[in-house]
């Protein structure tokens, strides 16, 4: 049956009554076959190298610090610990404050975690916990407020509505592979209200990653 989704430790130096935490699950294997131990080990080492490269310079690697048998401290600075957790087929990445951290650190965890996770999202598919047994795709914070419409029978099927302080919104149209030389990614107009010609509204995270990053390019 398995043991459910990983959650961060909540005792000792991570007393849940004191500290704050934020975490995601990372599909670090990507193209590696789960059954191939050699490829999995290479993928995991690459993941750790990539993860450390995204951290602020104040973080230092930590060895042999295990809060419990499913969690290890990967890196630490004066405010936070970065914990890796075993979520079976994925790795959990958790930014957490400590009991001995300055009081202001506890209020900064979510903001700093969002910055880290958005960088990590550029490299890997991320997921968030929705229950003890379920997860869903992580939506990067830069995408909040962006609406997507799908006119499925059209080559430029996606209409992207990006909020704008000056015009209310900025509209782009994109194909399913907008970064391809034969794809489509074009500015359309500003300040236009949604209409039936845009198609049906769809969840942002139902887009493929090529479209998602093409939208990011437009910000």
C-alpha atoms as a PDB file:
ATOM      1  CA  UNK A   1       0.000   0.000   0.000  1.00  0.00           C
ATOM      2  CA  UNK A   2       2.940   2.379   0.533  1.00  0.00           C
ATOM      3  CA  UNK A   3       3.379   4.985   3.245  1.00  0.00           C
ATOM      4  CA  UNK A   4       1.713   8.040   1.752  1.00  0.00           C
ATOM      5  CA  UNK A   5       3.240  11.354   0.766  1.00  0.00           C
ATOM      6  CA  UNK A   6       6.293  12.576   2.614  1.00  0.00           C
ATOM      7  CA  UNK A   7       5.844  15.369   5.152  1.00  0.00           C
ATOM      8  CA  UNK A   8       8.656  17.318   6.868  1.00  0.00           C
ATOM      9  CA  UNK A   9       9.742  16.504  10.435  1.00  0.00           C
ATOM     10  CA  UNK A  10       7.774  18.327  13.146  1.00  0.00           C
ATOM     11  CA  UNK A  11       9.769  17.809  16.334  1.00  0.00           C
ATOM     12  CA  UNK A  12      13.062  18.791  17.958  1.00  0.00           C
ATOM     13  CA  UNK A  13      14.755  21.587  16.037  1.00  0.00           C
ATOM     14  CA  UNK A  14      11.754  21.602  13.666  1.00  0.00           C
ATOM     15  CA  UNK A  15       9.030  21.958  16.330  1.00  0.00           C
ATOM     16  CA  UNK A  16       5.789  22.545  14.391  1.00  0.00           C
ATOM     17  CA  UNK A  17       4.611  25.011  17.052  1.00  0.00           C
ATOM     18  CA  UNK A  18       7.553  27.306  16.262  1.00  0.00           C
ATOM     19  CA  UNK A  19       8.856  26.883  12.721  1.00  0.00           C
ATOM     20  CA  UNK A  20       7.427  27.233   9.222  1.00  0.00           C
ATOM     21  CA  UNK A  21       8.028  25.023   6.189  1.00  0.00           C
ATOM     22  CA  UNK A  22       7.227  24.707   2.508  1.00  0.00           C
ATOM     23  CA  UNK A  23       7.901  21.747   0.239  1.00  0.00           C
ATOM     24  CA  UNK A  24       7.462  20.203  -3.202  1.00  0.00           C
ATOM     25  CA  UNK A  25       8.001  16.772  -4.743  1.00  0.00           C
ATOM     26  CA  UNK A  26      10.482  16.632  -7.616  1.00  0.00           C
ATOM     27  CA  UNK A  27      10.352  14.199 -10.528  1.00  0.00           C
ATOM     28  CA  UNK A  28      14.148  14.179 -10.758  1.00  0.00           C
ATOM     29  CA  UNK A  29      14.363  11.008 -12.862  1.00  0.00           C
ATOM     30  CA  UNK A  30      13.048  12.647 -16.024  1.00  0.00           C
ATOM     31  CA  UNK A  31      14.239  10.327 -18.834  1.00  0.00           C
ATOM     32  CA  UNK A  32      15.970   7.832 -16.546  1.00  0.00           C
ATOM     33  CA  UNK A  33      14.314   4.452 -16.181  1.00  0.00           C
ATOM     34  CA  UNK A  34      13.196   3.830 -12.605  1.00  0.00           C
ATOM     35  CA  UNK A  35      14.236   0.186 -12.887  1.00  0.00           C
ATOM     36  CA  UNK A  36      17.796   1.075 -13.884  1.00  0.00           C
ATOM     37  CA  UNK A  37      19.657   1.703 -10.612  1.00  0.00           C
ATOM     38  CA  UNK A  38      22.751   3.079 -12.360  1.00  0.00           C
ATOM     39  CA  UNK A  39      20.752   5.689 -14.308  1.00  0.00           C
ATOM     40  CA  UNK A  40      18.738   6.559 -11.206  1.00  0.00           C
ATOM     41  CA  UNK A  41      21.913   7.198  -9.218  1.00  0.00           C
ATOM     42  CA  UNK A  42      23.309   9.421 -11.972  1.00  0.00           C
ATOM     43  CA  UNK A  43      20.021  11.332 -12.155  1.00  0.00           C
ATOM     44  CA  UNK A  44      20.015  11.812  -8.387  1.00  0.00           C
ATOM     45  CA  UNK A  45      23.585  13.137  -8.329  1.00  0.00           C
ATOM     46  CA  UNK A  46      22.761  15.508 -11.196  1.00  0.00           C
ATOM     47  CA  UNK A  47      19.691  16.648  -9.305  1.00  0.00           C
ATOM     48  CA  UNK A  48      21.695  17.449  -6.159  1.00  0.00           C
ATOM     49  CA  UNK A  49      24.248  19.397  -8.199  1.00  0.00           C
ATOM     50  CA  UNK A  50      21.498  21.364  -9.927  1.00  0.00           C
ATOM     51  CA  UNK A  51      19.664  22.013  -6.674  1.00  0.00           C
ATOM     52  CA  UNK A  52      22.725  23.345  -4.866  1.00  0.00           C
ATOM     53  CA  UNK A  53      23.508  25.648  -7.804  1.00  0.00           C
ATOM     54  CA  UNK A  54      20.113  27.331  -7.307  1.00  0.00           C
ATOM     55  CA  UNK A  55      20.666  28.129  -3.637  1.00  0.00           C
ATOM     56  CA  UNK A  56      21.933  31.475  -2.338  1.00  0.00           C
ATOM     57  CA  UNK A  57      25.671  31.505  -1.620  1.00  0.00           C
ATOM     58  CA  UNK A  58      24.960  31.587   2.136  1.00  0.00           C
ATOM     59  CA  UNK A  59      23.954  27.894   2.019  1.00  0.00           C
ATOM     60  CA  UNK A  60      26.536  25.222   2.797  1.00  0.00           C
ATOM     61  CA  UNK A  61      26.254  21.506   2.145  1.00  0.00           C
ATOM     62  CA  UNK A  62      25.499  19.281   5.138  1.00  0.00           C
ATOM     63  CA  UNK A  63      26.485  15.626   5.513  1.00  0.00           C
ATOM     64  CA  UNK A  64      25.023  12.915   7.734  1.00  0.00           C
ATOM     65  CA  UNK A  65      22.305  14.938   9.435  1.00  0.00           C
ATOM     66  CA  UNK A  66      19.149  12.821   9.428  1.00  0.00           C
ATOM     67  CA  UNK A  67      16.086  14.235  11.284  1.00  0.00           C
ATOM     68  CA  UNK A  68      14.406  10.865  10.620  1.00  0.00           C
ATOM     69  CA  UNK A  69      14.945   7.824   8.415  1.00  0.00           C
ATOM     70  CA  UNK A  70      13.116   9.398   5.472  1.00  0.00           C
ATOM     71  CA  UNK A  71      14.680  12.878   5.679  1.00  0.00           C
ATOM     72  CA  UNK A  72      18.186  14.346   5.471  1.00  0.00           C
ATOM     73  CA  UNK A  73      19.476  17.912   5.729  1.00  0.00           C
ATOM     74  CA  UNK A  74      20.994  18.751   2.345  1.00  0.00           C
ATOM     75  CA  UNK A  75      22.123  22.337   2.967  1.00  0.00           C
ATOM     76  CA  UNK A  76      21.882  25.002   5.666  1.00  0.00           C
ATOM     77  CA  UNK A  77      22.415  28.699   6.263  1.00  0.00           C
ATOM     78  CA  UNK A  78      21.832  30.936   9.256  1.00  0.00           C
ATOM     79  CA  UNK A  79      18.073  30.993   8.747  1.00  0.00           C
ATOM     80  CA  UNK A  80      16.921  27.795   7.047  1.00  0.00           C
ATOM     81  CA  UNK A  81      17.584  24.119   6.476  1.00  0.00           C
ATOM     82  CA  UNK A  82      16.942  22.563   3.082  1.00  0.00           C
ATOM     83  CA  UNK A  83      15.735  19.017   3.645  1.00  0.00           C
ATOM     84  CA  UNK A  84      15.491  16.208   1.119  1.00  0.00           C
ATOM     85  CA  UNK A  85      12.834  13.597   1.776  1.00  0.00           C
ATOM     86  CA  UNK A  86      12.248  10.149   0.337  1.00  0.00           C
ATOM     87  CA  UNK A  87       8.885  10.177  -1.435  1.00  0.00           C
ATOM     88  CA  UNK A  88       9.558   6.815  -3.084  1.00  0.00           C
ATOM     89  CA  UNK A  89       9.605   7.584  -6.841  1.00  0.00           C
ATOM     90  CA  UNK A  90      10.246  11.295  -6.260  1.00  0.00           C
ATOM     91  CA  UNK A  91      12.381  13.448  -3.995  1.00  0.00           C
ATOM     92  CA  UNK A  92      10.842  15.941  -1.588  1.00  0.00           C
ATOM     93  CA  UNK A  93      12.529  19.324  -1.280  1.00  0.00           C
ATOM     94  CA  UNK A  94      11.606  21.262   1.824  1.00  0.00           C
ATOM     95  CA  UNK A  95      12.746  24.683   3.001  1.00  0.00           C
ATOM     96  CA  UNK A  96      12.243  24.902   6.737  1.00  0.00           C
ATOM     97  CA  UNK A  97      13.134  27.303   9.527  1.00  0.00           C
ATOM     98  CA  UNK A  98      14.652  26.046  12.769  1.00  0.00           C
ATOM     99  CA  UNK A  99      13.749  26.648  16.395  1.00  0.00           C
ATOM    100  CA  UNK A 100      17.054  28.530  16.851  1.00  0.00           C
ATOM    101  CA  UNK A 101      16.481  30.744  13.777  1.00  0.00           C
ATOM    102  CA  UNK A 102      15.742  34.463  14.286  1.00  0.00           C
ATOM    103  CA  UNK A 103      12.017  35.159  14.609  1.00  0.00           C
ATOM    104  CA  UNK A 104      11.837  36.930  11.241  1.00  0.00           C
ATOM    105  CA  UNK A 105      13.075  33.782   9.475  1.00  0.00           C
ATOM    106  CA  UNK A 106       9.797  31.978  10.171  1.00  0.00           C
ATOM    107  CA  UNK A 107       7.849  34.596   8.204  1.00  0.00           C
ATOM    108  CA  UNK A 108      10.244  34.426   5.237  1.00  0.00           C
ATOM    109  CA  UNK A 109      10.084  30.704   4.510  1.00  0.00           C
ATOM    110  CA  UNK A 110       7.236  30.768   1.996  1.00  0.00           C
ATOM    111  CA  UNK A 111       8.683  33.699   0.042  1.00  0.00           C
ATOM    112  CA  UNK A 112      12.156  32.153  -0.154  1.00  0.00           C
ATOM    113  CA  UNK A 113      10.736  28.718  -0.958  1.00  0.00           C
ATOM    114  CA  UNK A 114       8.657  30.168  -3.808  1.00  0.00           C
ATOM    115  CA  UNK A 115      11.771  31.706  -5.351  1.00  0.00           C
ATOM    116  CA  UNK A 116      13.677  28.425  -5.088  1.00  0.00           C
ATOM    117  CA  UNK A 117      10.825  26.270  -6.376  1.00  0.00           C
ATOM    118  CA  UNK A 118      10.197  28.529  -9.363  1.00  0.00           C
ATOM    119  CA  UNK A 119      13.868  28.129 -10.325  1.00  0.00           C
ATOM    120  CA  UNK A 120      13.646  24.374  -9.796  1.00  0.00           C
ATOM    121  CA  UNK A 121      10.509  24.253 -11.937  1.00  0.00           C
ATOM    122  CA  UNK A 122      12.604  25.371 -14.918  1.00  0.00           C
ATOM    123  CA  UNK A 123      14.543  22.090 -14.640  1.00  0.00           C
ATOM    124  CA  UNK A 124      12.055  19.522 -13.367  1.00  0.00           C
ATOM    125  CA  UNK A 125       8.380  18.754 -13.039  1.00  0.00           C
ATOM    126  CA  UNK A 126       7.289  19.604  -9.502  1.00  0.00           C
ATOM    127  CA  UNK A 127       4.272  18.470  -7.524  1.00  0.00           C
ATOM    128  CA  UNK A 128       2.537  19.590  -4.343  1.00  0.00           C
ATOM    129  CA  UNK A 129       0.720  17.545  -1.746  1.00  0.00           C
ATOM    130  CA  UNK A 130      -3.086  17.624  -1.903  1.00  0.00           C
ATOM    131  CA  UNK A 131      -3.715  14.831   0.600  1.00  0.00           C
ATOM    132  CA  UNK A 132      -1.893  11.985   2.303  1.00  0.00           C
ATOM    133  CA  UNK A 133      -2.072   9.984  -0.947  1.00  0.00           C
ATOM    134  CA  UNK A 134      -2.535  12.520  -3.746  1.00  0.00           C
ATOM    135  CA  UNK A 135      -0.462  15.214  -5.458  1.00  0.00           C
ATOM    136  CA  UNK A 136      -0.920  17.732  -8.260  1.00  0.00           C
ATOM    137  CA  UNK A 137       1.416  19.690 -10.505  1.00  0.00           C
ATOM    138  CA  UNK A 138       3.111  22.687  -8.927  1.00  0.00           C
ATOM    139  CA  UNK A 139       2.116  25.992 -10.529  1.00  0.00           C
ATOM    140  CA  UNK A 140       4.968  28.512 -10.565  1.00  0.00           C
ATOM    141  CA  UNK A 141       4.178  31.722  -8.728  1.00  0.00           C
ATOM    142  CA  UNK A 142       5.026  33.897 -11.733  1.00  0.00           C
ATOM    143  CA  UNK A 143       2.065  32.348 -13.575  1.00  0.00           C
ATOM    144  CA  UNK A 144      -0.587  33.265 -11.000  1.00  0.00           C
ATOM    145  CA  UNK A 145      -3.215  35.487 -12.598  1.00  0.00           C
ATOM    146  CA  UNK A 146      -2.486  34.355 -16.164  1.00  0.00           C
ATOM    147  CA  UNK A 147      -5.536  32.896 -17.924  1.00  0.00           C
ATOM    148  CA  UNK A 148      -5.415  30.445 -20.819  1.00  0.00           C
ATOM    149  CA  UNK A 149      -8.117  29.660 -23.390  1.00  0.00           C
ATOM    150  CA  UNK A 150      -8.075  26.777 -25.846  1.00  0.00           C
ATOM    151  CA  UNK A 151      -9.665  26.829 -29.312  1.00  0.00           C
ATOM    152  CA  UNK A 152      -8.783  23.247 -30.119  1.00  0.00           C
ATOM    153  CA  UNK A 153      -9.453  23.237 -33.849  1.00  0.00           C
ATOM    154  CA  UNK A 154      -7.130  26.162 -34.543  1.00  0.00           C
ATOM    155  CA  UNK A 155      -3.381  26.103 -35.237  1.00  0.00           C
ATOM    156  CA  UNK A 156      -2.918  29.078 -32.894  1.00  0.00           C
ATOM    157  CA  UNK A 157      -5.151  27.291 -30.414  1.00  0.00           C
ATOM    158  CA  UNK A 158      -4.094  28.997 -27.178  1.00  0.00           C
ATOM    159  CA  UNK A 159      -5.064  32.529 -26.214  1.00  0.00           C
ATOM    160  CA  UNK A 160      -2.965  33.783 -23.306  1.00  0.00           C
ATOM    161  CA  UNK A 161      -4.307  36.604 -21.137  1.00  0.00           C
ATOM    162  CA  UNK A 162      -1.585  38.222 -19.017  1.00  0.00           C
ATOM    163  CA  UNK A 163      -2.610  40.829 -16.419  1.00  0.00           C
ATOM    164  CA  UNK A 164      -1.198  44.310 -17.019  1.00  0.00           C
ATOM    165  CA  UNK A 165      -1.421  47.381 -14.755  1.00  0.00           C
ATOM    166  CA  UNK A 166      -1.625  49.813 -17.682  1.00  0.00           C
ATOM    167  CA  UNK A 167      -3.959  48.068 -20.128  1.00  0.00           C
ATOM    168  CA  UNK A 168      -5.755  45.589 -17.882  1.00  0.00           C
ATOM    169  CA  UNK A 169      -4.377  42.668 -19.882  1.00  0.00           C
ATOM    170  CA  UNK A 170      -2.069  41.761 -22.755  1.00  0.00           C
ATOM    171  CA  UNK A 171      -3.136  39.053 -25.182  1.00  0.00           C
ATOM    172  CA  UNK A 172      -0.933  36.540 -27.001  1.00  0.00           C
ATOM    173  CA  UNK A 173      -1.795  33.625 -29.275  1.00  0.00           C
ATOM    174  CA  UNK A 174       0.281  30.447 -29.346  1.00  0.00           C
ATOM    175  CA  UNK A 175       0.338  27.068 -31.019  1.00  0.00           C
ATOM    176  CA  UNK A 176       1.039  23.788 -29.258  1.00  0.00           C
ATOM    177  CA  UNK A 177       4.775  24.171 -29.966  1.00  0.00           C
ATOM    178  CA  UNK A 178       5.401  27.918 -29.926  1.00  0.00           C
ATOM    179  CA  UNK A 179       9.189  27.660 -29.727  1.00  0.00           C
ATOM    180  CA  UNK A 180       9.399  25.505 -32.833  1.00  0.00           C
ATOM    181  CA  UNK A 181      10.428  27.354 -36.044  1.00  0.00           C
ATOM    182  CA  UNK A 182       7.131  26.211 -37.530  1.00  0.00           C
ATOM    183  CA  UNK A 183       5.188  27.083 -34.388  1.00  0.00           C
ATOM    184  CA  UNK A 184       3.300  30.254 -33.528  1.00  0.00           C
ATOM    185  CA  UNK A 185       3.728  32.796 -30.708  1.00  0.00           C
ATOM    186  CA  UNK A 186       2.396  36.263 -31.437  1.00  0.00           C
ATOM    187  CA  UNK A 187       1.302  39.410 -29.590  1.00  0.00           C
ATOM    188  CA  UNK A 188      -2.351  40.118 -30.437  1.00  0.00           C
ATOM    189  CA  UNK A 189      -3.620  43.161 -28.573  1.00  0.00           C
ATOM    190  CA  UNK A 190      -4.110  44.902 -25.233  1.00  0.00           C
ATOM    191  CA  UNK A 191      -7.129  45.573 -23.043  1.00  0.00           C
ATOM    192  CA  UNK A 192      -9.453  43.073 -24.715  1.00  0.00           C
ATOM    193  CA  UNK A 193     -12.176  41.267 -22.780  1.00  0.00           C
ATOM    194  CA  UNK A 194     -12.428  37.475 -23.178  1.00  0.00           C
ATOM    195  CA  UNK A 195     -14.847  36.334 -25.873  1.00  0.00           C
ATOM    196  CA  UNK A 196     -16.066  33.102 -27.448  1.00  0.00           C
ATOM    197  CA  UNK A 197     -13.436  33.276 -30.184  1.00  0.00           C
ATOM    198  CA  UNK A 198     -10.784  32.527 -27.572  1.00  0.00           C
ATOM    199  CA  UNK A 199     -12.167  29.065 -26.901  1.00  0.00           C
ATOM    200  CA  UNK A 200     -12.703  27.368 -23.549  1.00  0.00           C
ATOM    201  CA  UNK A 201     -10.807  28.381 -20.406  1.00  0.00           C
ATOM    202  CA  UNK A 202      -8.377  25.644 -19.334  1.00  0.00           C
ATOM    203  CA  UNK A 203      -6.119  25.109 -16.299  1.00  0.00           C
ATOM    204  CA  UNK A 204      -2.702  26.707 -16.731  1.00  0.00           C
ATOM    205  CA  UNK A 205      -0.927  23.502 -15.723  1.00  0.00           C
ATOM    206  CA  UNK A 206      -2.689  21.500 -18.435  1.00  0.00           C
ATOM    207  CA  UNK A 207      -0.334  23.203 -20.912  1.00  0.00           C
ATOM    208  CA  UNK A 208       2.785  21.409 -22.061  1.00  0.00           C
ATOM    209  CA  UNK A 209       6.050  22.784 -20.720  1.00  0.00           C
ATOM    210  CA  UNK A 210       7.040  24.331 -24.052  1.00  0.00           C
ATOM    211  CA  UNK A 211       3.953  26.551 -23.990  1.00  0.00           C
ATOM    212  CA  UNK A 212       4.484  27.365 -20.318  1.00  0.00           C
ATOM    213  CA  UNK A 213       8.035  28.579 -20.937  1.00  0.00           C
ATOM    214  CA  UNK A 214       6.971  30.463 -24.070  1.00  0.00           C
ATOM    215  CA  UNK A 215       4.528  32.349 -21.852  1.00  0.00           C
ATOM    216  CA  UNK A 216       7.298  33.039 -19.347  1.00  0.00           C
ATOM    217  CA  UNK A 217       9.379  34.470 -22.185  1.00  0.00           C
ATOM    218  CA  UNK A 218       6.628  37.039 -22.731  1.00  0.00           C
ATOM    219  CA  UNK A 219       6.624  38.390 -19.173  1.00  0.00           C
END
